Amino acid sequence: MKGLVASAIALVTVFAAGGFAYHHSRNKGHAEAGHGRPVFAAAPDRAPATRFVHRRICSEVPPAAASQASAATHGLVWVDPHPDGGIVTWHPGMNSTSCQAALTHLSERQARAFAEAVDRGKRVPPGSYSCPTDDGSGVTVYLTYPHQQGSEVVDVDLEGCRWAGAPGRAARSSDAVDVLGKVPAGLH
């Protein structure tokens, strides 16, 4: 009986270690590359509220947090490459004449193209940057997955340096915004 119990324990240990090794090797490439875990947030069901302040400068109420400005980072922004769709909130620039945010939806094809574009972007080196055409317009993309509660979130600038970031993650240079489709009227 002792031999049978010892064999069962050894077998369970081998399977457990094998499962850990598979999970570890599957995620190892992202960890070695300095990728952080995805950032999760609840997707909104409506566009953010906006208003004019200080002599007709468009602003969100309350102002959106600037994810790329975070000094404390926990790896590089990264998203799972297989979303089944997404929600996009479009944030108007400070000089927007309409000062209206918008909310749109992504198809599975668009969401996967967006995820691929984010993940292939190059890390933005630490330092000070000047992005002269940056008017503050941007998007927050909430990628959805079939068996996951919460959405993976990425912020992308529409003008200027066009970086992709997430709260607590280092930014990447990215053309991800190009796959989102036409920018809603009045954002710039």
Foldseek 3Di string as FASTA:
>chain_A
DVVVVVVVVVVVVVVVVVVVVVVCVVCVVCVVQFAAAFDFDADDPWAFAWDADDPGFIATVVHDDDQQPDPAARGAHADDLQFQKKKKWKAAFRNFPVSDIGIDIGGRVLLNLLRVQQVPFAFDDDDDDDFPFQRPIWMWMFTHHDPDPTTGIWIFGPGGQGWIGGHRHTIGRGPSVVSPDDDDPRRD
